[in-house]
Amino acid sequence: MLSRRRVISLLGLAAVAGFAALTASDADAQTTGTAATPATSGTHGMGRRQSRRASRHTRRNGRRTTPAAAPAEAAPTK
C-alpha cells in the first residue's frame, strides 16, 4: 500500500518528467527573416538612455575632479 506522501512524490515526479518531455522537443525557435535594426545600435530609447547616462557620468566626474570651492564665510554673529 502506498502512503499519501509516496503518492504525492510520484505525482510530482511524473509532472516533472512530463514537463521535461515538452521542453526537450526538437522544435527550433522561430526566427525573423531580417533584423529590423542591427544588434549594435539598439533602439531609439536605448540611444537616449546611453546619452543621459554619458551626461551623468560627465557631470559626476566633473564634481569629483574639480577642487571644492571655499565655503562661504558665515555672517558674524552679534
N, C-alpha and C. Protein backbone atom coordinates (compact mmCIF):
# COMPACT_ATOMS: atom_id res chain seq x y z
N MET A 1 0.84 -1.17 0.00
CA MET A 1 0.00 0.00 0.00
C MET A 1 0.89 1.24 0.00
N LEU A 2 0.49 2.26 -0.76
CA LEU A 2 1.27 3.48 -0.87
C LEU A 2 0.73 4.53 0.09
N SER A 3 1.64 5.22 0.74
CA SER A 3 1.22 6.30 1.64
C SER A 3 0.91 7.56 0.82
N ARG A 4 0.28 8.51 1.45
CA ARG A 4 -0.05 9.76 0.77
C ARG A 4 1.21 10.47 0.32
N ARG A 5 2.22 10.48 1.16
CA ARG A 5 3.48 11.14 0.81
C ARG A 5 4.10 10.51 -0.43
N ARG A 6 4.07 9.19 -0.50
CA ARG A 6 4.66 8.48 -1.64
C ARG A 6 3.88 8.80 -2.92
N VAL A 7 2.55 8.85 -2.83
CA VAL A 7 1.72 9.15 -3.99
C VAL A 7 1.97 10.57 -4.48
N ILE A 8 2.06 11.50 -3.55
CA ILE A 8 2.30 12.90 -3.92
C ILE A 8 3.67 13.05 -4.57
N SER A 9 4.68 12.38 -4.03
CA SER A 9 6.01 12.48 -4.63
C SER A 9 6.03 11.85 -6.02
N LEU A 10 5.31 10.74 -6.20
CA LEU A 10 5.24 10.12 -7.52
C LEU A 10 4.53 11.03 -8.53
N LEU A 11 3.47 11.70 -8.08
CA LEU A 11 2.79 12.64 -8.96
C LEU A 11 3.69 13.81 -9.33
N GLY A 12 4.47 14.28 -8.37
CA GLY A 12 5.41 15.36 -8.64
C GLY A 12 6.47 14.94 -9.64
N LEU A 13 6.99 13.74 -9.48
CA LEU A 13 7.99 13.24 -10.42
C LEU A 13 7.40 13.07 -11.81
N ALA A 14 6.16 12.60 -11.89
CA ALA A 14 5.50 12.45 -13.18
C ALA A 14 5.31 13.81 -13.85
N ALA A 15 4.96 14.82 -13.05
CA ALA A 15 4.78 16.16 -13.61
C ALA A 15 6.10 16.71 -14.14
N VAL A 16 7.17 16.51 -13.40
CA VAL A 16 8.48 16.98 -13.83
C VAL A 16 8.91 16.26 -15.10
N ALA A 17 8.68 14.96 -15.16
CA ALA A 17 9.05 14.19 -16.35
C ALA A 17 8.23 14.65 -17.56
N GLY A 18 6.96 14.93 -17.35
CA GLY A 18 6.12 15.42 -18.44
C GLY A 18 6.57 16.78 -18.93
N PHE A 19 6.92 17.65 -18.02
CA PHE A 19 7.39 18.98 -18.38
C PHE A 19 8.72 18.89 -19.14
N ALA A 20 9.61 18.02 -18.68
CA ALA A 20 10.89 17.85 -19.35
C ALA A 20 10.69 17.32 -20.76
N ALA A 21 9.72 16.44 -20.95
CA ALA A 21 9.47 15.90 -22.29
C ALA A 21 8.95 16.99 -23.22
N LEU A 22 8.17 17.93 -22.68
CA LEU A 22 7.65 19.02 -23.51
C LEU A 22 8.74 20.01 -23.90
N THR A 23 9.64 20.30 -22.98
CA THR A 23 10.67 21.30 -23.26
C THR A 23 11.83 20.72 -24.05
N ALA A 24 11.99 19.42 -24.07
CA ALA A 24 13.12 18.81 -24.76
C ALA A 24 12.76 18.40 -26.18
N SER A 25 11.74 19.04 -26.76
CA SER A 25 11.35 18.66 -28.12
C SER A 25 12.38 19.17 -29.12
N ASP A 26 12.28 18.71 -30.34
CA ASP A 26 13.24 19.08 -31.38
C ASP A 26 12.85 20.37 -32.10
N ALA A 27 11.86 21.06 -31.64
CA ALA A 27 11.42 22.28 -32.31
C ALA A 27 12.47 23.37 -32.14
N ASP A 28 12.69 24.12 -33.22
CA ASP A 28 13.63 25.23 -33.18
C ASP A 28 12.86 26.51 -32.88
N ALA A 29 13.58 27.48 -32.37
CA ALA A 29 12.96 28.76 -32.09
C ALA A 29 12.64 29.45 -33.41
N GLN A 30 11.57 30.22 -33.43
CA GLN A 30 11.21 30.95 -34.63
C GLN A 30 12.16 32.12 -34.79
N THR A 31 12.58 32.36 -36.00
CA THR A 31 13.46 33.49 -36.27
C THR A 31 12.80 34.37 -37.30
N THR A 32 13.09 35.66 -37.23
CA THR A 32 12.56 36.58 -38.23
C THR A 32 13.46 36.55 -39.44
N GLY A 33 12.95 36.96 -40.58
CA GLY A 33 13.72 36.93 -41.81
C GLY A 33 14.94 37.84 -41.73
N THR A 34 14.73 39.10 -41.38
CA THR A 34 15.84 40.05 -41.25
C THR A 34 15.64 40.84 -39.97
N ALA A 35 16.72 41.29 -39.44
CA ALA A 35 16.64 42.09 -38.22
C ALA A 35 16.23 43.51 -38.59
N ALA A 36 15.34 44.09 -37.82
CA ALA A 36 14.89 45.45 -38.10
C ALA A 36 16.01 46.45 -37.87
N THR A 37 16.75 46.26 -36.80
CA THR A 37 17.88 47.13 -36.51
C THR A 37 19.07 46.26 -36.16
N PRO A 38 20.25 46.69 -36.47
CA PRO A 38 21.42 45.90 -36.08
C PRO A 38 21.52 45.81 -34.58
N ALA A 39 22.08 44.73 -34.10
CA ALA A 39 22.16 44.50 -32.66
C ALA A 39 23.06 45.52 -31.97
N THR A 40 24.01 46.09 -32.68
CA THR A 40 24.95 47.01 -32.04
C THR A 40 24.34 48.37 -31.78
N SER A 41 23.38 48.81 -32.61
CA SER A 41 22.84 50.15 -32.44
C SER A 41 21.72 50.21 -31.41
N GLY A 42 20.98 49.16 -31.24
CA GLY A 42 19.89 49.14 -30.27
C GLY A 42 18.71 49.94 -30.76
N THR A 43 17.82 50.28 -29.86
CA THR A 43 16.62 51.03 -30.21
C THR A 43 16.82 52.51 -29.93
N HIS A 44 15.85 53.30 -30.37
CA HIS A 44 15.93 54.74 -30.13
C HIS A 44 15.99 55.05 -28.63
N GLY A 45 15.15 54.35 -27.87
CA GLY A 45 15.13 54.57 -26.43
C GLY A 45 16.45 54.19 -25.77
N MET A 46 17.10 53.15 -26.29
CA MET A 46 18.39 52.74 -25.75
C MET A 46 19.44 53.82 -26.01
N GLY A 47 19.38 54.43 -27.19
CA GLY A 47 20.32 55.51 -27.50
C GLY A 47 20.12 56.70 -26.58
N ARG A 48 18.86 57.03 -26.32
CA ARG A 48 18.57 58.15 -25.40
C ARG A 48 19.09 57.84 -24.01
N ARG A 49 18.91 56.61 -23.58
CA ARG A 49 19.38 56.20 -22.25
C ARG A 49 20.89 56.33 -22.16
N GLN A 50 21.59 55.85 -23.20
CA GLN A 50 23.05 55.93 -23.20
C GLN A 50 23.50 57.38 -23.16
N SER A 51 22.79 58.26 -23.87
CA SER A 51 23.15 59.68 -23.88
C SER A 51 22.98 60.29 -22.49
N ARG A 52 21.85 60.01 -21.86
CA ARG A 52 21.64 60.53 -20.50
C ARG A 52 22.69 59.99 -19.55
N ARG A 53 23.01 58.72 -19.71
CA ARG A 53 23.99 58.09 -18.82
C ARG A 53 25.37 58.73 -19.00
N ALA A 54 25.75 58.99 -20.25
CA ALA A 54 27.05 59.62 -20.50
C ALA A 54 27.10 61.01 -19.89
N SER A 55 25.98 61.75 -20.02
CA SER A 55 25.94 63.09 -19.42
C SER A 55 26.08 63.01 -17.91
N ARG A 56 25.41 62.05 -17.31
CA ARG A 56 25.50 61.88 -15.85
C ARG A 56 26.93 61.59 -15.43
N HIS A 57 27.58 60.69 -16.18
CA HIS A 57 28.96 60.34 -15.84
C HIS A 57 29.88 61.55 -15.97
N THR A 58 29.67 62.34 -17.02
CA THR A 58 30.50 63.53 -17.21
C THR A 58 30.33 64.50 -16.05
N ARG A 59 29.07 64.75 -15.67
CA ARG A 59 28.84 65.67 -14.55
C ARG A 59 29.44 65.13 -13.26
N ARG A 60 29.27 63.84 -13.03
CA ARG A 60 29.79 63.24 -11.80
C ARG A 60 31.32 63.33 -11.76
N ASN A 61 31.94 63.00 -12.87
CA ASN A 61 33.41 63.06 -12.90
C ASN A 61 33.89 64.50 -12.75
N GLY A 62 33.12 65.45 -13.28
CA GLY A 62 33.48 66.86 -13.10
C GLY A 62 33.44 67.26 -11.64
N ARG A 63 32.46 66.79 -10.92
CA ARG A 63 32.38 67.10 -9.49
C ARG A 63 33.51 66.45 -8.71
N ARG A 64 33.92 65.27 -9.15
CA ARG A 64 34.97 64.55 -8.42
C ARG A 64 36.35 65.17 -8.65
N THR A 65 36.59 65.68 -9.85
CA THR A 65 37.93 66.15 -10.18
C THR A 65 38.14 67.62 -9.88
N THR A 66 37.08 68.43 -9.85
CA THR A 66 37.27 69.85 -9.56
C THR A 66 37.42 70.05 -8.06
N PRO A 67 38.37 70.88 -7.68
CA PRO A 67 38.51 71.13 -6.24
C PRO A 67 37.26 71.84 -5.72
N ALA A 68 36.90 71.53 -4.52
CA ALA A 68 35.71 72.13 -3.92
C ALA A 68 35.95 73.61 -3.69
N ALA A 69 34.93 74.39 -3.96
CA ALA A 69 35.04 75.83 -3.75
C ALA A 69 35.14 76.09 -2.24
N ALA A 70 35.80 77.19 -1.91
CA ALA A 70 35.94 77.55 -0.50
C ALA A 70 34.55 77.80 0.07
N PRO A 71 34.28 77.29 1.24
CA PRO A 71 32.95 77.50 1.82
C PRO A 71 32.70 78.98 2.07
N ALA A 72 31.49 79.41 1.88
CA ALA A 72 31.13 80.81 2.11
C ALA A 72 31.32 81.13 3.58
N GLU A 73 31.86 82.31 3.80
CA GLU A 73 32.08 82.69 5.20
C GLU A 73 30.74 83.01 5.85
N ALA A 74 30.59 82.55 7.04
CA ALA A 74 29.35 82.79 7.76
C ALA A 74 29.31 84.24 8.22
N ALA A 75 28.11 84.78 8.28
CA ALA A 75 27.95 86.16 8.73
C ALA A 75 28.30 86.19 10.22
N PRO A 76 29.03 87.24 10.62
CA PRO A 76 29.41 87.31 12.05
C PRO A 76 28.16 87.42 12.93
N THR A 77 28.17 86.72 14.02
CA THR A 77 27.03 86.75 14.95
C THR A 77 27.30 87.80 16.01
N LYS A 78 26.28 88.45 16.45
CA LYS A 78 26.42 89.52 17.45
C LYS A 78 25.90 89.11 18.77
